[in-house]
Amino acid sequence: MSNKSKTARPEPETLGLPLCGVDSHAHLDMDEFDADREELLNRAQSSGVARIGNVFLGPEAYEQNRHLFALRPEVFFLLGIHPGNADQYSDKAVAAMGRAFGTDPRLRAVGEIGLDFYWDRHPRDMQERAFRAQLGLALDLGLAPVIHCRDAFPDTLRVLLGEGYSGKKLLWHCFGGDEGQAETILGHGWHVSIPGPVSYARNEALHRAVAAIPLSRLLLETDCPYLSAEPWRGKRNHPALLGFTAQAVARLKNLPVAEVWSATGQNACAFFGLPALGCPVDA
């Protein structure tokens, strides 16, 4: 029974996607990948993933783990203090982040930063202080923030508008909201990154939202090791599985999967200031 179940899952290499995809948000420096990180990076390329954004959750993680990608030029970096780690925020930590951004061209965005009222691990005023400080850092650096928002949409929006982010470059990471929230995000000129749960049958509100979001504003992400798309739901996520998220988005938008794959990859390169991949939208 288990063997039958295992063979029923298609491997990502079988999707035949061109080397045009970008996983805009991954956590490959986490311990979950210590045993097979290089193998999975190779599989990502074999599955059409040309670039991967690795997100370091704070300056300590960045200093300790950036060496893991020294020989992997396809990996670019994001750095930010997650709201679940808001107790690690200090002026000293933000200054350390600023120095890192000033010296490492692989660092392309400040994130993930924001508010998380689902886990609520730290007082909300503490989360907001860390959030505002890092939004200020992003402005000072001239870089975009990548936003984490869980069960905190009104407050996240309040902070962003209060900090003057309407009309500025910004990416809403791991979007799981409805069409109304998507319209609000788009109305401020921001981009949206879509994770694996878009493939889940019961996520009807998210399906309607993604169907309505212009392809020009969409990026794709794994958020690995979390949130694998069907048919790998419940298994450890990794960048090679990004193609299944692209498949789900393509079905919702009634577009060829290769078109979604190439367009979202180009969007990611433009957003993060990376060299274009040279793949046509109708790849």
Protein backbone atom coordinates (compact mmCIF):
# COMPACT_ATOMS: atom_id res chain seq x y z
CA MET A 1 0.00 0.00 0.00
CA SER A 2 2.77 2.43 0.95
CA ASN A 3 4.73 1.58 -2.21
CA LYS A 4 1.68 2.23 -4.36
CA SER A 5 1.12 5.57 -2.64
CA LYS A 6 4.76 6.53 -3.11
CA THR A 7 4.84 5.73 -6.82
CA ALA A 8 1.57 7.61 -7.37
CA ARG A 9 3.24 10.95 -6.59
CA PRO A 10 4.77 12.51 -9.72
CA GLU A 11 8.34 13.71 -9.32
CA PRO A 12 8.93 17.39 -10.17
CA GLU A 13 11.43 16.58 -12.90
CA THR A 14 8.60 14.98 -14.89
CA LEU A 15 6.85 18.35 -15.30
CA GLY A 16 9.41 19.30 -17.96
CA LEU A 17 9.53 22.98 -17.01
CA PRO A 18 12.22 25.21 -18.56
CA LEU A 19 14.99 26.67 -16.42
CA CYS A 20 12.99 29.87 -15.88
CA GLY A 21 11.42 29.44 -12.43
CA VAL A 22 12.29 31.35 -9.26
CA ASP A 23 11.53 30.19 -5.74
CA SER A 24 11.21 33.59 -4.11
CA HIS A 25 11.18 32.35 -0.50
CA ALA A 26 12.95 29.31 0.95
CA HIS A 27 14.59 28.40 4.25
CA LEU A 28 17.30 26.06 3.02
CA ASP A 29 19.69 26.97 5.83
CA MET A 30 17.45 25.21 8.36
CA ASP A 31 18.53 21.96 9.99
CA GLU A 32 15.91 20.02 8.00
CA PHE A 33 18.19 20.27 4.96
CA ASP A 34 21.55 19.44 6.51
CA ALA A 35 21.54 15.87 5.18
CA ASP A 36 20.75 16.58 1.52
CA ARG A 37 20.96 20.33 0.82
CA GLU A 38 23.26 19.99 -2.20
CA GLU A 39 21.20 17.17 -3.67
CA LEU A 40 18.03 19.23 -3.39
CA LEU A 41 19.66 22.29 -4.95
CA ASN A 42 20.68 20.12 -7.90
CA ARG A 43 17.16 18.70 -8.13
CA ALA A 44 15.76 22.22 -8.17
CA GLN A 45 17.77 23.06 -11.27
CA SER A 46 16.77 19.78 -12.91
CA SER A 47 13.15 20.76 -12.24
CA GLY A 48 13.42 24.19 -13.87
CA VAL A 49 14.17 26.35 -10.81
CA ALA A 50 16.84 28.79 -11.94
CA ARG A 51 17.10 30.89 -8.77
CA ILE A 52 16.18 30.56 -5.11
CA GLY A 53 15.78 33.24 -2.47
CA ASN A 54 17.06 31.94 0.85
CA VAL A 55 15.59 33.76 3.83
CA PHE A 56 17.81 34.15 6.89
CA LEU A 57 15.79 34.69 10.05
CA GLY A 58 17.98 37.32 11.67
CA PRO A 59 21.61 38.47 11.55
CA GLU A 60 22.87 35.55 13.64
CA ALA A 61 21.41 32.99 11.21
CA TYR A 62 22.91 34.93 8.32
CA GLU A 63 26.40 35.03 9.83
CA GLN A 64 26.29 31.35 10.78
CA ASN A 65 24.78 29.93 7.61
CA ARG A 66 25.60 32.05 4.57
CA HIS A 67 28.65 29.86 3.90
CA LEU A 68 26.27 27.01 3.03
CA PHE A 69 25.65 28.68 -0.34
CA ALA A 70 29.15 29.90 -1.12
CA LEU A 71 29.34 27.65 -4.19
CA ARG A 72 25.69 28.09 -5.24
CA PRO A 73 25.44 31.34 -7.22
CA GLU A 74 21.79 30.62 -8.09
CA VAL A 75 20.87 31.35 -4.45
CA PHE A 76 20.25 34.97 -3.47
CA PHE A 77 19.56 36.16 0.06
CA LEU A 78 16.88 37.84 2.14
CA LEU A 79 17.48 38.89 5.72
CA GLY A 80 15.07 40.00 8.42
CA ILE A 81 13.89 39.44 11.97
CA HIS A 82 10.71 37.36 11.83
CA PRO A 83 7.88 38.46 14.16
CA GLY A 84 8.20 35.12 15.91
CA ASN A 85 11.73 36.23 16.86
CA ALA A 86 10.77 39.79 17.80
CA ASP A 87 12.55 39.41 21.14
CA GLN A 88 15.82 39.34 19.14
CA TYR A 89 15.21 42.86 17.88
CA SER A 90 17.52 45.60 19.12
CA ASP A 91 19.20 48.65 17.65
CA LYS A 92 22.38 46.59 17.59
CA ALA A 93 20.73 43.80 15.58
CA VAL A 94 19.32 46.22 13.01
CA ALA A 95 22.73 47.90 12.74
CA ALA A 96 24.31 44.49 12.09
CA MET A 97 21.75 43.88 9.36
CA GLY A 98 22.56 47.24 7.81
CA ARG A 99 26.26 46.40 7.70
CA ALA A 100 25.51 43.03 6.09
CA PHE A 101 23.39 44.63 3.38
CA GLY A 102 26.16 47.14 2.75
CA THR A 103 28.77 44.49 2.07
CA ASP A 104 26.97 41.49 0.54
CA PRO A 105 25.44 41.99 -2.93
CA ARG A 106 23.60 38.69 -2.61
CA LEU A 107 21.28 40.30 -0.04
CA ARG A 108 18.33 41.55 -2.08
CA ALA A 109 15.45 42.32 0.31
CA VAL A 110 14.61 42.92 3.97
CA GLY A 111 12.47 40.05 5.12
CA GLU A 112 10.62 38.29 6.20
CA ILE A 113 9.31 40.93 8.59
CA GLY A 114 5.85 41.77 9.86
CA LEU A 115 3.24 40.69 12.39
CA ASP A 116 2.06 37.25 13.48
CA PHE A 117 -1.04 37.18 15.69
CA TYR A 118 -1.67 33.48 15.06
CA TRP A 119 1.24 32.18 17.12
CA ASP A 120 1.45 35.44 19.12
CA ARG A 121 4.77 34.36 20.61
CA HIS A 122 5.67 37.91 21.61
CA PRO A 123 3.68 40.96 22.71
CA ARG A 124 2.15 42.78 19.79
CA ASP A 125 3.81 46.07 20.62
CA MET A 126 7.19 44.28 20.58
CA GLN A 127 6.42 42.81 17.16
CA GLU A 128 5.38 46.22 15.87
CA ARG A 129 8.56 47.92 17.10
CA ALA A 130 10.70 45.35 15.30
CA PHE A 131 8.55 45.65 12.19
CA ARG A 132 8.74 49.44 12.04
CA ALA A 133 12.48 49.50 12.63
CA GLN A 134 13.10 47.10 9.76
CA LEU A 135 10.76 48.96 7.44
CA GLY A 136 12.87 52.01 8.19
CA LEU A 137 16.02 50.04 7.42
CA ALA A 138 14.57 48.94 4.08
CA LEU A 139 13.81 52.56 3.19
CA ASP A 140 17.32 53.63 4.16
CA LEU A 141 18.81 50.85 2.03
CA GLY A 142 16.52 51.44 -0.93
CA LEU A 143 15.44 47.80 -0.81
CA ALA A 144 12.03 46.20 -0.73
CA PRO A 145 10.58 44.55 2.37
CA VAL A 146 9.08 41.07 2.24
CA ILE A 147 6.09 40.89 4.52
CA HIS A 148 5.00 38.13 6.90
CA CYS A 149 1.36 38.62 7.94
CA ARG A 150 -0.62 35.97 9.78
CA ASP A 151 -3.99 36.79 11.33
CA ALA A 152 -2.86 40.44 11.41
CA PHE A 153 -4.00 41.98 8.12
CA PRO A 154 -5.53 45.23 9.49
CA ASP A 155 -2.57 45.96 11.76
CA THR A 156 0.01 45.06 9.14
CA LEU A 157 -1.71 47.38 6.69
CA ARG A 158 -1.90 50.14 9.32
CA VAL A 159 1.83 49.94 9.97
CA LEU A 160 2.76 49.84 6.29
CA LEU A 161 0.64 52.84 5.43
CA GLY A 162 1.88 54.69 8.49
CA GLU A 163 5.45 54.11 7.35
CA GLY A 164 4.68 55.48 3.89
CA TYR A 165 4.82 52.24 1.91
CA SER A 166 1.82 52.78 -0.34
CA GLY A 167 3.14 52.84 -3.90
CA LYS A 168 6.58 51.52 -2.89
CA LYS A 169 8.03 48.18 -3.90
CA LEU A 170 6.89 45.47 -1.47
CA LEU A 171 6.23 41.72 -1.58
CA TRP A 172 3.44 40.08 0.42
CA HIS A 173 4.96 36.70 1.26
CA CYS A 174 2.94 33.48 1.49
CA PHE A 175 -0.37 35.06 0.56
CA GLY A 176 -3.31 33.06 1.86
CA GLY A 177 -6.05 35.67 1.93
CA ASP A 178 -9.20 36.38 0.01
CA GLU A 179 -10.02 38.50 -3.01
CA GLY A 180 -10.71 41.60 -0.91
CA GLN A 181 -7.28 41.42 0.73
CA ALA A 182 -5.66 40.85 -2.64
CA GLU A 183 -7.41 43.92 -4.04
CA THR A 184 -6.13 46.00 -1.13
CA ILE A 185 -2.56 44.78 -1.63
CA LEU A 186 -2.69 45.38 -5.37
CA GLY A 187 -4.25 48.79 -4.84
CA HIS A 188 -1.10 49.93 -3.05
CA GLY A 189 1.09 48.74 -5.91
CA TRP A 190 2.50 45.71 -4.11
CA HIS A 191 3.39 42.22 -5.33
CA VAL A 192 2.04 38.91 -4.03
CA SER A 193 3.90 35.63 -3.55
CA ILE A 194 1.86 32.43 -3.81
CA PRO A 195 2.73 29.27 -1.82
CA GLY A 196 1.78 25.60 -2.10
CA PRO A 197 -1.60 25.79 -0.33
CA VAL A 198 -3.04 27.35 -3.49
CA SER A 199 -3.20 23.73 -4.68
CA TYR A 200 -5.44 22.58 -1.80
CA ALA A 201 -8.99 21.85 -2.89
CA ARG A 202 -10.72 23.56 0.02
CA ASN A 203 -8.88 26.89 -0.28
CA GLU A 204 -11.70 28.36 -2.35
CA ALA A 205 -11.25 31.97 -1.20
CA LEU A 206 -7.56 31.82 -2.11
CA HIS A 207 -8.44 30.26 -5.48
CA ARG A 208 -10.73 33.17 -6.31
CA ALA A 209 -8.10 35.67 -5.21
CA VAL A 210 -5.31 34.13 -7.28
CA ALA A 211 -7.57 33.89 -10.34
CA ALA A 212 -8.14 37.65 -10.09
CA ILE A 213 -4.55 38.78 -9.42
CA PRO A 214 -2.77 39.94 -12.61
CA LEU A 215 0.03 37.60 -13.60
CA SER A 216 2.35 40.62 -13.68
CA ARG A 217 2.06 40.96 -9.89
CA LEU A 218 2.59 37.29 -9.00
CA LEU A 219 5.65 35.49 -7.69
CA LEU A 220 5.88 31.86 -6.54
CA GLU A 221 7.46 30.42 -3.41
CA THR A 222 7.86 27.21 -1.49
CA ASP A 223 8.46 28.61 2.01
CA CYS A 224 10.23 25.28 2.41
CA PRO A 225 10.46 23.14 4.44
CA TYR A 226 6.81 24.06 5.01
CA LEU A 227 3.61 24.11 2.90
CA SER A 228 4.23 21.58 0.15
CA ALA A 229 1.83 21.71 -2.76
CA GLU A 230 -0.32 18.77 -3.80
CA PRO A 231 0.52 16.00 -4.51
CA TRP A 232 3.33 16.32 -1.94
CA ARG A 233 1.20 17.89 0.80
CA GLY A 234 2.33 16.74 4.24
CA LYS A 235 5.86 15.95 3.05
CA ARG A 236 8.93 18.13 3.51
CA ASN A 237 8.85 20.93 0.97
CA HIS A 238 11.87 21.90 -1.16
CA PRO A 239 12.45 24.14 -4.20
CA ALA A 240 12.10 21.39 -6.81
CA LEU A 241 8.43 21.07 -5.83
CA LEU A 242 7.69 24.67 -6.87
CA GLY A 243 6.41 23.49 -10.23
CA PHE A 244 3.33 21.98 -8.61
CA THR A 245 2.41 25.41 -7.23
CA ALA A 246 2.83 26.81 -10.74
CA GLN A 247 0.51 24.07 -12.02
CA ALA A 248 -2.20 25.06 -9.55
CA VAL A 249 -1.90 28.76 -10.41
CA ALA A 250 -2.03 27.96 -14.12
CA ARG A 251 -5.24 25.96 -13.69
CA LEU A 252 -6.86 28.82 -11.77
CA LYS A 253 -5.86 31.36 -14.41
CA ASN A 254 -6.57 29.08 -17.38
CA LEU A 255 -3.05 29.57 -18.69
CA PRO A 256 -0.30 27.17 -19.81
CA VAL A 257 1.87 26.23 -16.85
CA ALA A 258 5.03 27.19 -18.75
CA GLU A 259 3.66 30.70 -19.21
CA VAL A 260 2.99 31.08 -15.48
CA TRP A 261 6.39 29.56 -14.70
CA SER A 262 8.32 31.90 -16.97
CA ALA A 263 6.32 35.04 -16.13
CA THR A 264 6.59 34.60 -12.36
CA GLY A 265 10.29 33.88 -12.73
CA GLN A 266 10.78 37.09 -14.69
CA ASN A 267 8.69 38.98 -12.12
CA ALA A 268 10.94 37.70 -9.33
CA CYS A 269 14.11 38.72 -11.16
CA ALA A 270 12.74 42.22 -11.74
CA PHE A 271 11.51 42.54 -8.16
CA PHE A 272 14.80 41.48 -6.56
CA GLY A 273 17.02 43.24 -9.10
CA LEU A 274 18.47 40.03 -10.50
CA PRO A 275 19.69 39.54 -14.08
CA ALA A 276 16.89 38.45 -16.39
CA LEU A 277 16.69 34.75 -17.18
CA GLY A 278 16.09 35.21 -20.89
CA CYS A 279 12.96 33.07 -20.95
CA PRO A 280 10.00 34.27 -23.03
CA VAL A 281 6.66 34.62 -21.25
CA ASP A 282 5.20 31.97 -23.55
CA ALA A 283 8.08 29.54 -22.86
